Amino acid sequence: MGDVLPFRKPSPFEKHKGKTLCRSGFHKWEVVKDKQFDVKQGKLVTLYRCSRCGEQKVEAR
């Protein structure tokens, strides 16, 4: 016979890891300073990236 392994159910924190806030629209935006000029628009832009889910948004100045 084989060994019996106890299975552990992941906690809600481990299961979602902060994605529930992003699904509700509460992102944690951080400014990305690598790319500040958009060639297609010909303007300075600010690139924001969510530190939890990785979604990006761009604002033109």
C-alpha atoms as a PDB file:
ATOM      1  CA  MET A   1       0.000   0.000   0.000  1.00  0.00           C
ATOM      2  CA  GLY A   2       1.069   3.565  -0.617  1.00  0.00           C
ATOM      3  CA  ASP A   3       1.509   6.415   1.787  1.00  0.00           C
ATOM      4  CA  VAL A   4      -1.485   8.600   2.599  1.00  0.00           C
ATOM      5  CA  LEU A   5      -0.804  12.262   1.826  1.00  0.00           C
ATOM      6  CA  PRO A   6      -2.864  14.952   3.530  1.00  0.00           C
ATOM      7  CA  PHE A   7      -4.193  17.484   1.016  1.00  0.00           C
ATOM      8  CA  ARG A   8      -4.346  21.078   2.155  1.00  0.00           C
ATOM      9  CA  LYS A   9      -6.959  23.437   0.745  1.00  0.00           C
ATOM     10  CA  PRO A  10      -5.400  26.796  -0.238  1.00  0.00           C
ATOM     11  CA  SER A  11      -6.543  29.761   1.774  1.00  0.00           C
ATOM     12  CA  PRO A  12      -8.489  32.535   0.007  1.00  0.00           C
ATOM     13  CA  PHE A  13      -5.429  34.799   0.271  1.00  0.00           C
ATOM     14  CA  GLU A  14      -3.224  32.265  -1.513  1.00  0.00           C
ATOM     15  CA  LYS A  15      -5.916  31.523  -4.074  1.00  0.00           C
ATOM     16  CA  HIS A  16      -6.514  35.088  -5.273  1.00  0.00           C
ATOM     17  CA  LYS A  17      -3.293  36.910  -4.255  1.00  0.00           C
ATOM     18  CA  GLY A  18      -4.687  40.430  -4.536  1.00  0.00           C
ATOM     19  CA  LYS A  19      -6.532  39.997  -7.840  1.00  0.00           C
ATOM     20  CA  THR A  20      -9.960  40.573  -6.319  1.00  0.00           C
ATOM     21  CA  LEU A  21      -9.203  44.281  -5.879  1.00  0.00           C
ATOM     22  CA  CYS A  22      -8.127  44.587  -9.516  1.00  0.00           C
ATOM     23  CA  ARG A  23     -11.277  42.848 -10.736  1.00  0.00           C
ATOM     24  CA  SER A  24     -13.308  45.445  -8.852  1.00  0.00           C
ATOM     25  CA  GLY A  25     -11.382  48.305 -10.483  1.00  0.00           C
ATOM     26  CA  PHE A  26      -9.054  49.155  -7.589  1.00  0.00           C
ATOM     27  CA  HIS A  27      -5.661  48.799  -9.250  1.00  0.00           C
ATOM     28  CA  LYS A  28      -2.368  49.701  -7.610  1.00  0.00           C
ATOM     29  CA  TRP A  29      -0.874  51.966 -10.297  1.00  0.00           C
ATOM     30  CA  GLU A  30       2.870  52.611 -10.445  1.00  0.00           C
ATOM     31  CA  VAL A  31       4.620  54.886 -12.933  1.00  0.00           C
ATOM     32  CA  VAL A  32       6.917  53.166 -15.447  1.00  0.00           C
ATOM     33  CA  LYS A  33       9.788  55.518 -16.282  1.00  0.00           C
ATOM     34  CA  ASP A  34      11.360  53.498 -19.119  1.00  0.00           C
ATOM     35  CA  LYS A  35       9.180  54.812 -21.945  1.00  0.00           C
ATOM     36  CA  GLN A  36       8.111  58.470 -21.692  1.00  0.00           C
ATOM     37  CA  PHE A  37       7.739  59.519 -25.341  1.00  0.00           C
ATOM     38  CA  ASP A  38       5.187  58.043 -27.746  1.00  0.00           C
ATOM     39  CA  VAL A  39       6.386  58.182 -31.341  1.00  0.00           C
ATOM     40  CA  LYS A  40       2.948  57.636 -32.902  1.00  0.00           C
ATOM     41  CA  GLN A  41       1.287  60.470 -30.974  1.00  0.00           C
ATOM     42  CA  GLY A  42       4.400  62.654 -30.910  1.00  0.00           C
ATOM     43  CA  LYS A  43       3.755  63.555 -27.271  1.00  0.00           C
ATOM     44  CA  LEU A  44       5.143  62.933 -23.841  1.00  0.00           C
ATOM     45  CA  VAL A  45       3.108  60.211 -22.150  1.00  0.00           C
ATOM     46  CA  THR A  46       2.961  58.653 -18.708  1.00  0.00           C
ATOM     47  CA  LEU A  47       2.780  54.854 -18.622  1.00  0.00           C
ATOM     48  CA  TYR A  48       1.171  53.281 -15.551  1.00  0.00           C
ATOM     49  CA  ARG A  49       1.388  49.565 -14.678  1.00  0.00           C
ATOM     50  CA  CYS A  50      -0.579  47.780 -11.956  1.00  0.00           C
ATOM     51  CA  SER A  51       1.795  46.074  -9.551  1.00  0.00           C
ATOM     52  CA  ARG A  52      -0.740  43.320  -8.776  1.00  0.00           C
ATOM     53  CA  CYS A  53      -2.089  42.183 -12.152  1.00  0.00           C
ATOM     54  CA  GLY A  54       0.237  43.837 -14.698  1.00  0.00           C
ATOM     55  CA  GLU A  55      -2.431  45.813 -16.588  1.00  0.00           C
ATOM     56  CA  GLN A  56      -1.194  48.999 -18.261  1.00  0.00           C
ATOM     57  CA  LYS A  57      -2.721  52.394 -18.978  1.00  0.00           C
ATOM     58  CA  VAL A  58      -1.323  55.434 -20.783  1.00  0.00           C
ATOM     59  CA  GLU A  59      -2.034  59.113 -20.155  1.00  0.00           C
ATOM     60  CA  ALA A  60      -0.912  61.856 -22.545  1.00  0.00           C
ATOM     61  CA  ARG A  61       0.310  65.082 -20.998  1.00  0.00           C
END
